[in-house]
Amino acid sequence: MANTTAPKAPTHEIFHVVGEKDKARWTKIGVGWEHSKGDGLNLVINYSPLVEGRTVVRKIKAQETEE
């Protein structure tokens, strides 16, 4: 029996952030999907930065998912 469920759109975006406040540079490096029970995330990271900065995971807003 074939799986007929279409893949869900990602629920989160992953960014590498260097700098602070207005001078921060945000680079999208991946996406994530919330577990069905809401107790975790599956992440796909397409880039692993080797420089300073931090990794930020943010929930995709409803408006962004509609586009």
PDB file of N, CA and C in Angstrom:
ATOM      1  N   MET A   1       0.837  -1.165   0.000  1.00  0.00           N
ATOM      2  CA  MET A   1       0.000   0.000   0.000  1.00  0.00           C
ATOM      3  C   MET A   1       0.887   1.235   0.000  1.00  0.00           C
ATOM      4  N   ALA A   2       0.633   2.157  -0.914  1.00  0.00           N
ATOM      5  CA  ALA A   2       1.438   3.367  -1.050  1.00  0.00           C
ATOM      6  C   ALA A   2       1.035   4.399  -0.007  1.00  0.00           C
ATOM      7  N   ASN A   3       2.013   5.182   0.417  1.00  0.00           N
ATOM      8  CA  ASN A   3       1.750   6.265   1.360  1.00  0.00           C
ATOM      9  C   ASN A   3       1.154   7.427   0.581  1.00  0.00           C
ATOM     10  N   THR A   4      -0.068   7.802   0.887  1.00  0.00           N
ATOM     11  CA  THR A   4      -0.750   8.857   0.129  1.00  0.00           C
ATOM     12  C   THR A   4      -0.705  10.210   0.811  1.00  0.00           C
ATOM     13  N   THR A   5      -0.042  10.312   1.957  1.00  0.00           N
ATOM     14  CA  THR A   5       0.022  11.600   2.627  1.00  0.00           C
ATOM     15  C   THR A   5       1.134  12.446   2.015  1.00  0.00           C
ATOM     16  N   ALA A   6       0.786  13.680   1.686  1.00  0.00           N
ATOM     17  CA  ALA A   6       1.765  14.596   1.113  1.00  0.00           C
ATOM     18  C   ALA A   6       2.673  15.116   2.226  1.00  0.00           C
ATOM     19  N   PRO A   7       3.935  15.419   1.895  1.00  0.00           N
ATOM     20  CA  PRO A   7       4.824  15.956   2.920  1.00  0.00           C
ATOM     21  C   PRO A   7       4.279  17.290   3.442  1.00  0.00           C
ATOM     22  N   LYS A   8       4.417  17.491   4.733  1.00  0.00           N
ATOM     23  CA  LYS A   8       3.964  18.732   5.326  1.00  0.00           C
ATOM     24  C   LYS A   8       5.016  19.816   5.116  1.00  0.00           C
ATOM     25  N   ALA A   9       4.555  21.058   5.062  1.00  0.00           N
ATOM     26  CA  ALA A   9       5.476  22.190   4.967  1.00  0.00           C
ATOM     27  C   ALA A   9       6.234  22.317   6.285  1.00  0.00           C
ATOM     28  N   PRO A  10       7.472  22.803   6.250  1.00  0.00           N
ATOM     29  CA  PRO A  10       8.233  22.989   7.486  1.00  0.00           C
ATOM     30  C   PRO A  10       7.497  23.938   8.437  1.00  0.00           C
ATOM     31  N   THR A  11       7.653  23.702   9.724  1.00  0.00           N
ATOM     32  CA  THR A  11       7.035  24.556  10.736  1.00  0.00           C
ATOM     33  C   THR A  11       8.025  25.554  11.333  1.00  0.00           C
ATOM     34  N   HIS A  12       9.336  25.318  11.121  1.00  0.00           N
ATOM     35  CA  HIS A  12      10.369  26.176  11.688  1.00  0.00           C
ATOM     36  C   HIS A  12      11.464  26.451  10.651  1.00  0.00           C
ATOM     37  N   GLU A  13      12.148  27.575  10.821  1.00  0.00           N
ATOM     38  CA  GLU A  13      13.312  27.914  10.009  1.00  0.00           C
ATOM     39  C   GLU A  13      14.521  27.981  10.938  1.00  0.00           C
ATOM     40  N   ILE A  14      15.684  27.654  10.397  1.00  0.00           N
ATOM     41  CA  ILE A  14      16.921  27.663  11.170  1.00  0.00           C
ATOM     42  C   ILE A  14      17.854  28.702  10.561  1.00  0.00           C
ATOM     43  N   PHE A  15      18.398  29.565  11.406  1.00  0.00           N
ATOM     44  CA  PHE A  15      19.271  30.648  10.964  1.00  0.00           C
ATOM     45  C   PHE A  15      20.593  30.613  11.701  1.00  0.00           C
ATOM     46  N   HIS A  16      21.658  31.059  11.016  1.00  0.00           N
ATOM     47  CA  HIS A  16      22.928  31.357  11.654  1.00  0.00           C
ATOM     48  C   HIS A  16      22.957  32.869  11.780  1.00  0.00           C
ATOM     49  N   VAL A  17      23.190  33.362  13.004  1.00  0.00           N
ATOM     50  CA  VAL A  17      23.141  34.800  13.263  1.00  0.00           C
ATOM     51  C   VAL A  17      24.489  35.273  13.786  1.00  0.00           C
ATOM     52  N   VAL A  18      25.039  36.312  13.132  1.00  0.00           N
ATOM     53  CA  VAL A  18      26.294  36.926  13.559  1.00  0.00           C
ATOM     54  C   VAL A  18      25.995  38.390  13.855  1.00  0.00           C
ATOM     55  N   GLY A  19      26.406  38.868  15.002  1.00  0.00           N
ATOM     56  CA  GLY A  19      26.187  40.261  15.382  1.00  0.00           C
ATOM     57  C   GLY A  19      24.986  40.383  16.302  1.00  0.00           C
ATOM     58  N   GLU A  20      24.714  41.613  16.687  1.00  0.00           N
ATOM     59  CA  GLU A  20      23.638  41.894  17.633  1.00  0.00           C
ATOM     60  C   GLU A  20      22.713  42.982  17.096  1.00  0.00           C
ATOM     61  N   LYS A  21      21.473  42.913  17.486  1.00  0.00           N
ATOM     62  CA  LYS A  21      20.421  43.904  17.228  1.00  0.00           C
ATOM     63  C   LYS A  21      20.384  44.324  15.763  1.00  0.00           C
ATOM     64  N   ASP A  22      20.454  45.625  15.471  1.00  0.00           N
ATOM     65  CA  ASP A  22      20.317  46.126  14.090  1.00  0.00           C
ATOM     66  C   ASP A  22      21.473  45.714  13.181  1.00  0.00           C
ATOM     67  N   LYS A  23      22.594  45.351  13.761  1.00  0.00           N
ATOM     68  CA  LYS A  23      23.757  44.971  12.953  1.00  0.00           C
ATOM     69  C   LYS A  23      23.869  43.457  12.763  1.00  0.00           C
ATOM     70  N   ALA A  24      22.888  42.719  13.233  1.00  0.00           N
ATOM     71  CA  ALA A  24      22.930  41.259  13.108  1.00  0.00           C
ATOM     72  C   ALA A  24      22.716  40.840  11.658  1.00  0.00           C
ATOM     73  N   ARG A  25      23.445  39.818  11.250  1.00  0.00           N
ATOM     74  CA  ARG A  25      23.294  39.257   9.902  1.00  0.00           C
ATOM     75  C   ARG A  25      22.693  37.866  10.058  1.00  0.00           C
ATOM     76  N   TRP A  26      21.485  37.671   9.496  1.00  0.00           N
ATOM     77  CA  TRP A  26      20.752  36.401   9.593  1.00  0.00           C
ATOM     78  C   TRP A  26      20.884  35.657   8.268  1.00  0.00           C
ATOM     79  N   THR A  27      21.357  34.422   8.324  1.00  0.00           N
ATOM     80  CA  THR A  27      21.468  33.579   7.137  1.00  0.00           C
ATOM     81  C   THR A  27      20.652  32.313   7.382  1.00  0.00           C
ATOM     82  N   LYS A  28      19.680  32.051   6.518  1.00  0.00           N
ATOM     83  CA  LYS A  28      18.870  30.844   6.663  1.00  0.00           C
ATOM     84  C   LYS A  28      19.714  29.637   6.271  1.00  0.00           C
ATOM     85  N   ILE A  29      19.784  28.647   7.191  1.00  0.00           N
ATOM     86  CA  ILE A  29      20.624  27.479   6.934  1.00  0.00           C
ATOM     87  C   ILE A  29      19.847  26.169   6.957  1.00  0.00           C
ATOM     88  N   GLY A  30      18.533  26.219   7.218  1.00  0.00           N
ATOM     89  CA  GLY A  30      17.770  24.978   7.237  1.00  0.00           C
ATOM     90  C   GLY A  30      16.332  25.185   7.661  1.00  0.00           C
ATOM     91  N   VAL A  31      15.637  24.060   7.822  1.00  0.00           N
ATOM     92  CA  VAL A  31      14.228  24.074   8.216  1.00  0.00           C
ATOM     93  C   VAL A  31      13.973  22.944   9.204  1.00  0.00           C
ATOM     94  N   GLY A  32      12.809  23.011   9.864  1.00  0.00           N
ATOM     95  CA  GLY A  32      12.449  21.981  10.824  1.00  0.00           C
ATOM     96  C   GLY A  32      10.967  21.683  10.791  1.00  0.00           C
ATOM     97  N   TRP A  33      10.634  20.480  11.239  1.00  0.00           N
ATOM     98  CA  TRP A  33       9.235  20.035  11.318  1.00  0.00           C
ATOM     99  C   TRP A  33       8.952  19.637  12.752  1.00  0.00           C
ATOM    100  N   GLU A  34       7.866  20.162  13.303  1.00  0.00           N
ATOM    101  CA  GLU A  34       7.463  19.824  14.659  1.00  0.00           C
ATOM    102  C   GLU A  34       6.932  18.392  14.690  1.00  0.00           C
ATOM    103  N   HIS A  35       7.279  17.633  15.730  1.00  0.00           N
ATOM    104  CA  HIS A  35       6.741  16.284  15.902  1.00  0.00           C
ATOM    105  C   HIS A  35       5.240  16.367  16.095  1.00  0.00           C
ATOM    106  N   SER A  36       4.533  15.341  15.695  1.00  0.00           N
ATOM    107  CA  SER A  36       3.067  15.340  15.783  1.00  0.00           C
ATOM    108  C   SER A  36       2.573  15.539  17.211  1.00  0.00           C
ATOM    109  N   LYS A  37       3.321  15.072  18.191  1.00  0.00           N
ATOM    110  CA  LYS A  37       2.928  15.258  19.592  1.00  0.00           C
ATOM    111  C   LYS A  37       3.437  16.578  20.166  1.00  0.00           C
ATOM    112  N   GLY A  38       4.208  17.327  19.373  1.00  0.00           N
ATOM    113  CA  GLY A  38       4.710  18.619  19.821  1.00  0.00           C
ATOM    114  C   GLY A  38       5.859  18.546  20.819  1.00  0.00           C
ATOM    115  N   ASP A  39       6.498  17.378  20.936  1.00  0.00           N
ATOM    116  CA  ASP A  39       7.556  17.223  21.923  1.00  0.00           C
ATOM    117  C   ASP A  39       8.968  17.311  21.354  1.00  0.00           C
ATOM    118  N   GLY A  40       9.099  17.723  20.113  1.00  0.00           N
ATOM    119  CA  GLY A  40      10.423  17.827  19.519  1.00  0.00           C
ATOM    120  C   GLY A  40      10.352  18.299  18.074  1.00  0.00           C
ATOM    121  N   LEU A  41      11.524  18.334  17.421  1.00  0.00           N
ATOM    122  CA  LEU A  41      11.634  18.779  16.031  1.00  0.00           C
ATOM    123  C   LEU A  41      12.546  17.846  15.252  1.00  0.00           C
ATOM    124  N   ASN A  42      12.256  17.671  13.982  1.00  0.00           N
ATOM    125  CA  ASN A  42      13.190  17.065  13.038  1.00  0.00           C
ATOM    126  C   ASN A  42      13.794  18.226  12.263  1.00  0.00           C
ATOM    127  N   LEU A  43      15.129  18.272  12.190  1.00  0.00           N
ATOM    128  CA  LEU A  43      15.817  19.390  11.548  1.00  0.00           C
ATOM    129  C   LEU A  43      16.573  18.928  10.312  1.00  0.00           C
ATOM    130  N   VAL A  44      16.547  19.767   9.274  1.00  0.00           N
ATOM    131  CA  VAL A  44      17.380  19.574   8.092  1.00  0.00           C
ATOM    132  C   VAL A  44      18.240  20.821   7.977  1.00  0.00           C
ATOM    133  N   ILE A  45      19.541  20.664   8.236  1.00  0.00           N
ATOM    134  CA  ILE A  45      20.462  21.795   8.201  1.00  0.00           C
ATOM    135  C   ILE A  45      21.341  21.630   6.966  1.00  0.00           C
ATOM    136  N   ASN A  46      21.256  22.617   6.065  1.00  0.00           N
ATOM    137  CA  ASN A  46      21.972  22.543   4.792  1.00  0.00           C
ATOM    138  C   ASN A  46      23.361  23.168   4.848  1.00  0.00           C
ATOM    139  N   TYR A  47      23.676  23.804   5.951  1.00  0.00           N
ATOM    140  CA  TYR A  47      24.945  24.507   6.070  1.00  0.00           C
ATOM    141  C   TYR A  47      25.355  24.516   7.528  1.00  0.00           C
ATOM    142  N   SER A  48      26.595  24.219   7.822  1.00  0.00           N
ATOM    143  CA  SER A  48      27.078  24.224   9.198  1.00  0.00           C
ATOM    144  C   SER A  48      28.189  25.263   9.315  1.00  0.00           C
ATOM    145  N   PRO A  49      27.871  26.437   9.871  1.00  0.00           N
ATOM    146  CA  PRO A  49      28.863  27.511   9.947  1.00  0.00           C
ATOM    147  C   PRO A  49      30.022  27.150  10.875  1.00  0.00           C
ATOM    148  N   LEU A  50      31.209  27.581  10.498  1.00  0.00           N
ATOM    149  CA  LEU A  50      32.401  27.308  11.281  1.00  0.00           C
ATOM    150  C   LEU A  50      32.952  28.571  11.921  1.00  0.00           C
ATOM    151  N   VAL A  51      32.184  29.631  11.886  1.00  0.00           N
ATOM    152  CA  VAL A  51      32.637  30.914  12.432  1.00  0.00           C
ATOM    153  C   VAL A  51      31.790  31.281  13.642  1.00  0.00           C
ATOM    154  N   GLU A  52      32.127  32.390  14.225  1.00  0.00           N
ATOM    155  CA  GLU A  52      31.380  32.871  15.382  1.00  0.00           C
ATOM    156  C   GLU A  52      29.903  33.055  15.058  1.00  0.00           C
ATOM    157  N   GLY A  53      29.126  33.215  16.082  1.00  0.00           N
ATOM    158  CA  GLY A  53      27.700  33.427  15.887  1.00  0.00           C
ATOM    159  C   GLY A  53      26.899  32.413  16.663  1.00  0.00           C
ATOM    160  N   ARG A  54      25.604  32.402  16.395  1.00  0.00           N
ATOM    161  CA  ARG A  54      24.707  31.491  17.101  1.00  0.00           C
ATOM    162  C   ARG A  54      23.708  30.907  16.123  1.00  0.00           C
ATOM    163  N   THR A  55      23.096  29.803  16.502  1.00  0.00           N
ATOM    164  CA  THR A  55      22.064  29.170  15.699  1.00  0.00           C
ATOM    165  C   THR A  55      20.715  29.465  16.348  1.00  0.00           C
ATOM    166  N   VAL A  56      19.754  29.932  15.532  1.00  0.00           N
ATOM    167  CA  VAL A  56      18.434  30.307  16.020  1.00  0.00           C
ATOM    168  C   VAL A  56      17.387  29.505  15.261  1.00  0.00           C
ATOM    169  N   VAL A  57      16.448  28.888  15.987  1.00  0.00           N
ATOM    170  CA  VAL A  57      15.316  28.189  15.379  1.00  0.00           C
ATOM    171  C   VAL A  57      14.078  29.010  15.689  1.00  0.00           C
ATOM    172  N   ARG A  58      13.338  29.413  14.615  1.00  0.00           N
ATOM    173  CA  ARG A  58      12.147  30.232  14.793  1.00  0.00           C
ATOM    174  C   ARG A  58      10.955  29.580  14.125  1.00  0.00           C
ATOM    175  N   LYS A  59       9.821  29.659  14.774  1.00  0.00           N
ATOM    176  CA  LYS A  59       8.577  29.135  14.204  1.00  0.00           C
ATOM    177  C   LYS A  59       8.207  29.994  13.003  1.00  0.00           C
ATOM    178  N   ILE A  60       7.797  29.373  11.910  1.00  0.00           N
ATOM    179  CA  ILE A  60       7.369  30.098  10.712  1.00  0.00           C
ATOM    180  C   ILE A  60       5.997  30.682  10.994  1.00  0.00           C
ATOM    181  N   LYS A  61       5.845  31.962  10.713  1.00  0.00           N
ATOM    182  CA  LYS A  61       4.560  32.618  10.930  1.00  0.00           C
ATOM    183  C   LYS A  61       3.557  32.171   9.887  1.00  0.00           C
ATOM    184  N   ALA A  62       2.266  32.207  10.206  1.00  0.00           N
ATOM    185  CA  ALA A  62       1.201  31.732   9.311  1.00  0.00           C
ATOM    186  C   ALA A  62       1.264  32.417   7.958  1.00  0.00           C
ATOM    187  N   GLN A  63       1.540  33.688   7.901  1.00  0.00           N
ATOM    188  CA  GLN A  63       1.604  34.427   6.638  1.00  0.00           C
ATOM    189  C   GLN A  63       2.704  33.888   5.737  1.00  0.00           C
ATOM    190  N   GLU A  64       3.859  33.544   6.307  1.00  0.00           N
ATOM    191  CA  GLU A  64       4.982  33.027   5.534  1.00  0.00           C
ATOM    192  C   GLU A  64       4.678  31.650   4.950  1.00  0.00           C
ATOM    193  N   THR A  65       3.900  30.820   5.660  1.00  0.00           N
ATOM    194  CA  THR A  65       3.607  29.478   5.166  1.00  0.00           C
ATOM    195  C   THR A  65       2.595  29.489   4.039  1.00  0.00           C
ATOM    196  N   GLU A  66       1.784  30.551   3.927  1.00  0.00           N
ATOM    197  CA  GLU A  66       0.779  30.643   2.874  1.00  0.00           C
ATOM    198  C   GLU A  66       1.378  31.003   1.528  1.00  0.00           C
ATOM    199  N   GLU A  67       2.562  31.648   1.539  1.00  0.00           N
ATOM    200  CA  GLU A  67       3.182  32.104   0.286  1.00  0.00           C
ATOM    201  C   GLU A  67       3.795  30.977  -0.494  1.00  0.00           C
TER     202      GLU A  67
END
